Amino acid sequence: MNIMRSMLKGAGMPKNFWAEAIIVVCCVKNRFTSSSKSTPHELWFRTKPDVSELLICGRAAFVHVSKVKRKALDDRSEKCVLIG
């Protein structure tokens, strides 16, 4: 709960994103070393976890708007906030 709370606070996100934040925290905790000197991911899959895909929660992201939902001069993307 402390990690989730600090992640939401650091990203400047409202508390109603707590469920998404918990999913991100579980994903991150499974990829980093535990007390047994190997990660849960390594124990389960017998490979090192790929952490190159992890991005900073709360950073700016852009979502594509399909042709059906926009007119000729409308933007092709909308600025959003990355949750996880």
PDB file of N, CA and C in Angstrom:
ATOM      1  N   MET A   1       0.815  -1.191   0.000  1.00  0.00           N
ATOM      2  CA  MET A   1       0.000   0.000   0.000  1.00  0.00           C
ATOM      3  C   MET A   1       0.865   1.264   0.000  1.00  0.00           C
ATOM      4  N   ASN A   2       1.998   1.226   0.700  1.00  0.00           N
ATOM      5  CA  ASN A   2       2.867   2.397   0.741  1.00  0.00           C
ATOM      6  C   ASN A   2       3.444   2.724  -0.628  1.00  0.00           C
ATOM      7  N   ILE A   3       3.835   1.676  -1.373  1.00  0.00           N
ATOM      8  CA  ILE A   3       4.390   1.902  -2.705  1.00  0.00           C
ATOM      9  C   ILE A   3       3.327   2.490  -3.618  1.00  0.00           C
ATOM     10  N   MET A   4       2.122   1.928  -3.552  1.00  0.00           N
ATOM     11  CA  MET A   4       1.018   2.417  -4.376  1.00  0.00           C
ATOM     12  C   MET A   4       0.694   3.866  -4.039  1.00  0.00           C
ATOM     13  N   ARG A   5       0.647   4.179  -2.772  1.00  0.00           N
ATOM     14  CA  ARG A   5       0.325   5.533  -2.330  1.00  0.00           C
ATOM     15  C   ARG A   5       1.384   6.531  -2.802  1.00  0.00           C
ATOM     16  N   SER A   6       2.645   6.177  -2.662  1.00  0.00           N
ATOM     17  CA  SER A   6       3.712   7.089  -3.078  1.00  0.00           C
ATOM     18  C   SER A   6       3.782   7.214  -4.595  1.00  0.00           C
ATOM     19  N   MET A   7       3.448   6.136  -5.315  1.00  0.00           N
ATOM     20  CA  MET A   7       3.442   6.194  -6.767  1.00  0.00           C
ATOM     21  C   MET A   7       2.357   7.154  -7.263  1.00  0.00           C
ATOM     22  N   LEU A   8       1.167   7.054  -6.689  1.00  0.00           N
ATOM     23  CA  LEU A   8       0.083   7.962  -7.073  1.00  0.00           C
ATOM     24  C   LEU A   8       0.430   9.405  -6.723  1.00  0.00           C
ATOM     25  N   LYS A   9       0.985   9.604  -5.544  1.00  0.00           N
ATOM     26  CA  LYS A   9       1.349  10.953  -5.092  1.00  0.00           C
ATOM     27  C   LYS A   9       2.439  11.546  -5.982  1.00  0.00           C
ATOM     28  N   GLY A  10       3.468  10.759  -6.286  1.00  0.00           N
ATOM     29  CA  GLY A  10       4.570  11.229  -7.117  1.00  0.00           C
ATOM     30  C   GLY A  10       4.154  11.557  -8.537  1.00  0.00           C
ATOM     31  N   ALA A  11       3.168  10.821  -9.048  1.00  0.00           N
ATOM     32  CA  ALA A  11       2.687  11.057 -10.410  1.00  0.00           C
ATOM     33  C   ALA A  11       1.629  12.148 -10.465  1.00  0.00           C
ATOM     34  N   GLY A  12       1.168  12.597  -9.297  1.00  0.00           N
ATOM     35  CA  GLY A  12       0.133  13.620  -9.257  1.00  0.00           C
ATOM     36  C   GLY A  12      -1.214  13.108  -9.731  1.00  0.00           C
ATOM     37  N   MET A  13      -1.462  11.833  -9.516  1.00  0.00           N
ATOM     38  CA  MET A  13      -2.709  11.209  -9.965  1.00  0.00           C
ATOM     39  C   MET A  13      -3.708  11.127  -8.820  1.00  0.00           C
ATOM     40  N   PRO A  14      -5.009  11.179  -9.130  1.00  0.00           N
ATOM     41  CA  PRO A  14      -6.025  11.091  -8.071  1.00  0.00           C
ATOM     42  C   PRO A  14      -6.107   9.693  -7.468  1.00  0.00           C
ATOM     43  N   LYS A  15      -6.685   9.607  -6.279  1.00  0.00           N
ATOM     44  CA  LYS A  15      -6.775   8.342  -5.546  1.00  0.00           C
ATOM     45  C   LYS A  15      -7.662   7.309  -6.225  1.00  0.00           C
ATOM     46  N   ASN A  16      -8.549   7.731  -7.122  1.00  0.00           N
ATOM     47  CA  ASN A  16      -9.449   6.760  -7.738  1.00  0.00           C
ATOM     48  C   ASN A  16      -8.744   5.843  -8.741  1.00  0.00           C
ATOM     49  N   PHE A  17      -7.457   6.038  -8.971  1.00  0.00           N
ATOM     50  CA  PHE A  17      -6.669   5.137  -9.806  1.00  0.00           C
ATOM     51  C   PHE A  17      -5.935   4.087  -8.966  1.00  0.00           C
ATOM     52  N   TRP A  18      -6.392   3.843  -7.743  1.00  0.00           N
ATOM     53  CA  TRP A  18      -5.695   2.933  -6.833  1.00  0.00           C
ATOM     54  C   TRP A  18      -5.634   1.507  -7.387  1.00  0.00           C
ATOM     55  N   ALA A  19      -6.678   1.039  -8.057  1.00  0.00           N
ATOM     56  CA  ALA A  19      -6.684  -0.346  -8.565  1.00  0.00           C
ATOM     57  C   ALA A  19      -5.632  -0.536  -9.653  1.00  0.00           C
ATOM     58  N   GLU A  20      -5.522   0.418 -10.564  1.00  0.00           N
ATOM     59  CA  GLU A  20      -4.508   0.343 -11.612  1.00  0.00           C
ATOM     60  C   GLU A  20      -3.112   0.435 -11.016  1.00  0.00           C
ATOM     61  N   ALA A  21      -2.954   1.266  -9.984  1.00  0.00           N
ATOM     62  CA  ALA A  21      -1.653   1.420  -9.332  1.00  0.00           C
ATOM     63  C   ALA A  21      -1.223   0.128  -8.644  1.00  0.00           C
ATOM     64  N   ILE A  22      -2.159  -0.586  -8.044  1.00  0.00           N
ATOM     65  CA  ILE A  22      -1.834  -1.868  -7.396  1.00  0.00           C
ATOM     66  C   ILE A  22      -1.328  -2.873  -8.418  1.00  0.00           C
ATOM     67  N   ILE A  23      -1.943  -2.910  -9.595  1.00  0.00           N
ATOM     68  CA  ILE A  23      -1.501  -3.825 -10.658  1.00  0.00           C
ATOM     69  C   ILE A  23      -0.071  -3.507 -11.069  1.00  0.00           C
ATOM     70  N   VAL A  24       0.245  -2.217 -11.207  1.00  0.00           N
ATOM     71  CA  VAL A  24       1.597  -1.801 -11.579  1.00  0.00           C
ATOM     72  C   VAL A  24       2.595  -2.180 -10.481  1.00  0.00           C
ATOM     73  N   VAL A  25       2.225  -1.965  -9.234  1.00  0.00           N
ATOM     74  CA  VAL A  25       3.114  -2.299  -8.109  1.00  0.00           C
ATOM     75  C   VAL A  25       3.404  -3.797  -8.093  1.00  0.00           C
ATOM     76  N   CYS A  26       2.402  -4.631  -8.288  1.00  0.00           N
ATOM     77  CA  CYS A  26       2.609  -6.085  -8.315  1.00  0.00           C
ATOM     78  C   CYS A  26       3.531  -6.478  -9.456  1.00  0.00           C
ATOM     79  N   CYS A  27       3.340  -5.880 -10.608  1.00  0.00           N
ATOM     80  CA  CYS A  27       4.191  -6.174 -11.768  1.00  0.00           C
ATOM     81  C   CYS A  27       5.644  -5.799 -11.485  1.00  0.00           C
ATOM     82  N   VAL A  28       5.857  -4.635 -10.903  1.00  0.00           N
ATOM     83  CA  VAL A  28       7.216  -4.173 -10.609  1.00  0.00           C
ATOM     84  C   VAL A  28       7.860  -5.024  -9.516  1.00  0.00           C
ATOM     85  N   LYS A  29       7.114  -5.338  -8.475  1.00  0.00           N
ATOM     86  CA  LYS A  29       7.674  -6.140  -7.374  1.00  0.00           C
ATOM     87  C   LYS A  29       8.076  -7.536  -7.840  1.00  0.00           C
ATOM     88  N   ASN A  30       7.367  -8.090  -8.821  1.00  0.00           N
ATOM     89  CA  ASN A  30       7.707  -9.409  -9.345  1.00  0.00           C
ATOM     90  C   ASN A  30       8.972  -9.396 -10.190  1.00  0.00           C
ATOM     91  N   ARG A  31       9.410  -8.232 -10.610  1.00  0.00           N
ATOM     92  CA  ARG A  31      10.590  -8.141 -11.467  1.00  0.00           C
ATOM     93  C   ARG A  31      11.857  -7.701 -10.738  1.00  0.00           C
ATOM     94  N   PHE A  32      11.760  -7.409  -9.454  1.00  0.00           N
ATOM     95  CA  PHE A  32      12.934  -6.983  -8.708  1.00  0.00           C
ATOM     96  C   PHE A  32      13.265  -7.974  -7.607  1.00  0.00           C
ATOM     97  N   THR A  33      14.518  -7.974  -7.176  1.00  0.00           N
ATOM     98  CA  THR A  33      15.047  -8.970  -6.252  1.00  0.00           C
ATOM     99  C   THR A  33      14.274  -9.016  -4.939  1.00  0.00           C
ATOM    100  N   SER A  34      14.006 -10.218  -4.508  1.00  0.00           N
ATOM    101  CA  SER A  34      13.376 -10.426  -3.209  1.00  0.00           C
ATOM    102  C   SER A  34      14.444 -10.907  -2.233  1.00  0.00           C
ATOM    103  N   SER A  35      14.045 -11.379  -1.079  1.00  0.00           N
ATOM    104  CA  SER A  35      15.008 -11.803  -0.063  1.00  0.00           C
ATOM    105  C   SER A  35      15.780 -13.063  -0.454  1.00  0.00           C
ATOM    106  N   SER A  36      15.301 -13.817  -1.443  1.00  0.00           N
ATOM    107  CA  SER A  36      15.978 -15.062  -1.838  1.00  0.00           C
ATOM    108  C   SER A  36      17.033 -14.831  -2.922  1.00  0.00           C
ATOM    109  N   LYS A  37      17.393 -13.584  -3.203  1.00  0.00           N
ATOM    110  CA  LYS A  37      18.406 -13.203  -4.187  1.00  0.00           C
ATOM    111  C   LYS A  37      17.996 -13.487  -5.632  1.00  0.00           C
ATOM    112  N   SER A  38      16.781 -13.906  -5.866  1.00  0.00           N
ATOM    113  CA  SER A  38      16.257 -14.026  -7.219  1.00  0.00           C
ATOM    114  C   SER A  38      14.813 -13.528  -7.210  1.00  0.00           C
ATOM    115  N   THR A  39      14.379 -13.046  -8.332  1.00  0.00           N
ATOM    116  CA  THR A  39      13.042 -12.468  -8.402  1.00  0.00           C
ATOM    117  C   THR A  39      11.983 -13.555  -8.541  1.00  0.00           C
ATOM    118  N   PRO A  40      10.741 -13.263  -8.182  1.00  0.00           N
ATOM    119  CA  PRO A  40       9.667 -14.228  -8.426  1.00  0.00           C
ATOM    120  C   PRO A  40       9.554 -14.595  -9.905  1.00  0.00           C
ATOM    121  N   HIS A  41       9.823 -13.633 -10.785  1.00  0.00           N
ATOM    122  CA  HIS A  41       9.793 -13.899 -12.228  1.00  0.00           C
ATOM    123  C   HIS A  41      10.843 -14.946 -12.602  1.00  0.00           C
ATOM    124  N   GLU A  42      12.050 -14.818 -12.036  1.00  0.00           N
ATOM    125  CA  GLU A  42      13.123 -15.780 -12.319  1.00  0.00           C
ATOM    126  C   GLU A  42      12.780 -17.167 -11.788  1.00  0.00           C
ATOM    127  N   LEU A  43      12.191 -17.237 -10.628  1.00  0.00           N
ATOM    128  CA  LEU A  43      11.827 -18.525 -10.058  1.00  0.00           C
ATOM    129  C   LEU A  43      10.749 -19.226 -10.888  1.00  0.00           C
ATOM    130  N   TRP A  44       9.823 -18.468 -11.411  1.00  0.00           N
ATOM    131  CA  TRP A  44       8.713 -19.052 -12.165  1.00  0.00           C
ATOM    132  C   TRP A  44       9.107 -19.382 -13.602  1.00  0.00           C
ATOM    133  N   PHE A  45       9.758 -18.443 -14.315  1.00  0.00           N
ATOM    134  CA  PHE A  45      10.067 -18.622 -15.733  1.00  0.00           C
ATOM    135  C   PHE A  45      11.506 -19.052 -16.009  1.00  0.00           C
ATOM    136  N   ARG A  46      12.363 -19.036 -14.996  1.00  0.00           N
ATOM    137  CA  ARG A  46      13.781 -19.395 -15.115  1.00  0.00           C
ATOM    138  C   ARG A  46      14.535 -18.518 -16.126  1.00  0.00           C
ATOM    139  N   THR A  47      14.111 -17.276 -16.260  1.00  0.00           N
ATOM    140  CA  THR A  47      14.800 -16.295 -17.101  1.00  0.00           C
ATOM    141  C   THR A  47      14.832 -14.958 -16.360  1.00  0.00           C
ATOM    142  N   LYS A  48      15.788 -14.118 -16.726  1.00  0.00           N
ATOM    143  CA  LYS A  48      15.851 -12.770 -16.151  1.00  0.00           C
ATOM    144  C   LYS A  48      14.678 -11.955 -16.685  1.00  0.00           C
ATOM    145  N   PRO A  49      14.053 -11.135 -15.851  1.00  0.00           N
ATOM    146  CA  PRO A  49      12.939 -10.314 -16.333  1.00  0.00           C
ATOM    147  C   PRO A  49      13.419  -9.177 -17.239  1.00  0.00           C
ATOM    148  N   ASP A  50      12.609  -8.844 -18.218  1.00  0.00           N
ATOM    149  CA  ASP A  50      12.904  -7.737 -19.124  1.00  0.00           C
ATOM    150  C   ASP A  50      12.272  -6.476 -18.552  1.00  0.00           C
ATOM    151  N   VAL A  51      13.097  -5.577 -18.034  1.00  0.00           N
ATOM    152  CA  VAL A  51      12.588  -4.345 -17.432  1.00  0.00           C
ATOM    153  C   VAL A  51      12.681  -3.161 -18.393  1.00  0.00           C
ATOM    154  N   SER A  52      13.076  -3.411 -19.635  1.00  0.00           N
ATOM    155  CA  SER A  52      13.183  -2.326 -20.607  1.00  0.00           C
ATOM    156  C   SER A  52      11.816  -1.767 -20.981  1.00  0.00           C
ATOM    157  N   GLU A  53      10.768  -2.540 -20.764  1.00  0.00           N
ATOM    158  CA  GLU A  53       9.420  -2.103 -21.115  1.00  0.00           C
ATOM    159  C   GLU A  53       8.772  -1.213 -20.056  1.00  0.00           C
ATOM    160  N   LEU A  54       9.369  -1.130 -18.881  1.00  0.00           N
ATOM    161  CA  LEU A  54       8.783  -0.340 -17.802  1.00  0.00           C
ATOM    162  C   LEU A  54       8.943   1.158 -18.074  1.00  0.00           C
ATOM    163  N   LEU A  55       7.862   1.886 -17.881  1.00  0.00           N
ATOM    164  CA  LEU A  55       7.862   3.335 -18.084  1.00  0.00           C
ATOM    165  C   LEU A  55       7.450   4.020 -16.792  1.00  0.00           C
ATOM    166  N   ILE A  56       7.714   5.305 -16.691  1.00  0.00           N
ATOM    167  CA  ILE A  56       7.382   6.061 -15.495  1.00  0.00           C
ATOM    168  C   ILE A  56       5.885   6.322 -15.452  1.00  0.00           C
ATOM    169  N   CYS A  57       5.279   5.935 -14.366  1.00  0.00           N
ATOM    170  CA  CYS A  57       3.843   6.137 -14.181  1.00  0.00           C
ATOM    171  C   CYS A  57       3.551   7.620 -13.998  1.00  0.00           C
ATOM    172  N   GLY A  58       2.532   8.126 -14.683  1.00  0.00           N
ATOM    173  CA  GLY A  58       2.161   9.527 -14.583  1.00  0.00           C
ATOM    174  C   GLY A  58       2.749  10.401 -15.668  1.00  0.00           C
ATOM    175  N   ARG A  59       3.557   9.842 -16.555  1.00  0.00           N
ATOM    176  CA  ARG A  59       4.151  10.646 -17.617  1.00  0.00           C
ATOM    177  C   ARG A  59       3.164  10.837 -18.756  1.00  0.00           C
ATOM    178  N   ALA A  60       3.439  11.782 -19.611  1.00  0.00           N
ATOM    179  CA  ALA A  60       2.550  12.086 -20.732  1.00  0.00           C
ATOM    180  C   ALA A  60       2.584  10.959 -21.757  1.00  0.00           C
ATOM    181  N   ALA A  61       1.417  10.651 -22.313  1.00  0.00           N
ATOM    182  CA  ALA A  61       1.290   9.640 -23.360  1.00  0.00           C
ATOM    183  C   ALA A  61       0.301  10.173 -24.392  1.00  0.00           C
ATOM    184  N   PHE A  62       0.394   9.679 -25.599  1.00  0.00           N
ATOM    185  CA  PHE A  62      -0.507  10.108 -26.657  1.00  0.00           C
ATOM    186  C   PHE A  62      -1.254   8.907 -27.207  1.00  0.00           C
ATOM    187  N   VAL A  63      -2.568   9.045 -27.321  1.00  0.00           N
ATOM    188  CA  VAL A  63      -3.436   7.971 -27.794  1.00  0.00           C
ATOM    189  C   VAL A  63      -3.964   8.334 -29.172  1.00  0.00           C
ATOM    190  N   HIS A  64      -3.894   7.396 -30.098  1.00  0.00           N
ATOM    191  CA  HIS A  64      -4.363   7.610 -31.461  1.00  0.00           C
ATOM    192  C   HIS A  64      -5.889   7.724 -31.500  1.00  0.00           C
ATOM    193  N   VAL A  65      -6.392   8.685 -32.254  1.00  0.00           N
ATOM    194  CA  VAL A  65      -7.829   8.851 -32.472  1.00  0.00           C
ATOM    195  C   VAL A  65      -8.130   8.335 -33.879  1.00  0.00           C
ATOM    196  N   SER A  66      -9.023   7.352 -33.980  1.00  0.00           N
ATOM    197  CA  SER A  66      -9.299   6.736 -35.278  1.00  0.00           C
ATOM    198  C   SER A  66      -9.986   7.711 -36.227  1.00  0.00           C
ATOM    199  N   LYS A  67      -9.917   7.423 -37.516  1.00  0.00           N
ATOM    200  CA  LYS A  67     -10.507   8.279 -38.545  1.00  0.00           C
ATOM    201  C   LYS A  67     -12.005   8.451 -38.347  1.00  0.00           C
ATOM    202  N   VAL A  68     -12.652   7.441 -37.824  1.00  0.00           N
ATOM    203  CA  VAL A  68     -14.102   7.478 -37.623  1.00  0.00           C
ATOM    204  C   VAL A  68     -14.489   8.545 -36.596  1.00  0.00           C
ATOM    205  N   LYS A  69     -13.637   8.783 -35.619  1.00  0.00           N
ATOM    206  CA  LYS A  69     -13.950   9.698 -34.524  1.00  0.00           C
ATOM    207  C   LYS A  69     -13.381  11.101 -34.697  1.00  0.00           C
ATOM    208  N   ARG A  70     -12.796  11.410 -35.840  1.00  0.00           N
ATOM    209  CA  ARG A  70     -12.247  12.754 -36.045  1.00  0.00           C
ATOM    210  C   ARG A  70     -12.598  13.269 -37.430  1.00  0.00           C
ATOM    211  N   LYS A  71     -12.524  14.573 -37.567  1.00  0.00           N
ATOM    212  CA  LYS A  71     -12.762  15.224 -38.854  1.00  0.00           C
ATOM    213  C   LYS A  71     -11.425  15.525 -39.508  1.00  0.00           C
ATOM    214  N   ALA A  72     -11.455  16.085 -40.689  1.00  0.00           N
ATOM    215  CA  ALA A  72     -10.250  16.275 -41.499  1.00  0.00           C
ATOM    216  C   ALA A  72      -9.151  17.074 -40.788  1.00  0.00           C
ATOM    217  N   LEU A  73      -9.499  18.123 -40.067  1.00  0.00           N
ATOM    218  CA  LEU A  73      -8.478  18.980 -39.459  1.00  0.00           C
ATOM    219  C   LEU A  73      -8.281  18.734 -37.960  1.00  0.00           C
ATOM    220  N   ASP A  74      -8.944  17.739 -37.409  1.00  0.00           N
ATOM    221  CA  ASP A  74      -8.774  17.408 -35.986  1.00  0.00           C
ATOM    222  C   ASP A  74      -7.421  16.742 -35.745  1.00  0.00           C
ATOM    223  N   ASP A  75      -6.964  16.813 -34.511  1.00  0.00           N
ATOM    224  CA  ASP A  75      -5.708  16.145 -34.140  1.00  0.00           C
ATOM    225  C   ASP A  75      -5.845  14.633 -34.286  1.00  0.00           C
ATOM    226  N   ARG A  76      -4.750  13.980 -34.618  1.00  0.00           N
ATOM    227  CA  ARG A  76      -4.757  12.530 -34.778  1.00  0.00           C
ATOM    228  C   ARG A  76      -4.485  11.796 -33.469  1.00  0.00           C
ATOM    229  N   SER A  77      -4.162  12.546 -32.424  1.00  0.00           N
ATOM    230  CA  SER A  77      -3.923  11.924 -31.123  1.00  0.00           C
ATOM    231  C   SER A  77      -4.405  12.856 -30.017  1.00  0.00           C
ATOM    232  N   GLU A  78      -4.623  12.260 -28.838  1.00  0.00           N
ATOM    233  CA  GLU A  78      -4.999  13.018 -27.648  1.00  0.00           C
ATOM    234  C   GLU A  78      -3.953  12.782 -26.577  1.00  0.00           C
ATOM    235  N   LYS A  79      -3.619  13.845 -25.868  1.00  0.00           N
ATOM    236  CA  LYS A  79      -2.647  13.727 -24.779  1.00  0.00           C
ATOM    237  C   LYS A  79      -3.337  13.129 -23.556  1.00  0.00           C
ATOM    238  N   CYS A  80      -2.720  12.119 -22.958  1.00  0.00           N
ATOM    239  CA  CYS A  80      -3.250  11.430 -21.789  1.00  0.00           C
ATOM    240  C   CYS A  80      -2.128  11.262 -20.749  1.00  0.00           C
ATOM    241  N   VAL A  81      -2.447  10.564 -19.673  1.00  0.00           N
ATOM    242  CA  VAL A  81      -1.468  10.262 -18.640  1.00  0.00           C
ATOM    243  C   VAL A  81      -1.294   8.751 -18.580  1.00  0.00           C
ATOM    244  N   LEU A  82      -0.032   8.288 -18.587  1.00  0.00           N
ATOM    245  CA  LEU A  82       0.266   6.864 -18.535  1.00  0.00           C
ATOM    246  C   LEU A  82       0.014   6.344 -17.131  1.00  0.00           C
ATOM    247  N   ILE A  83      -0.805   5.300 -17.029  1.00  0.00           N
ATOM    248  CA  ILE A  83      -1.106   4.722 -15.723  1.00  0.00           C
ATOM    249  C   ILE A  83      -0.183   3.552 -15.431  1.00  0.00           C
ATOM    250  N   GLY A  84      -0.006   2.664 -16.362  1.00  0.00           N
ATOM    251  CA  GLY A  84       0.836   1.506 -16.088  1.00  0.00           C
ATOM    252  C   GLY A  84       1.297   0.809 -17.316  1.00  0.00           C
TER     253      GLY A  84
END
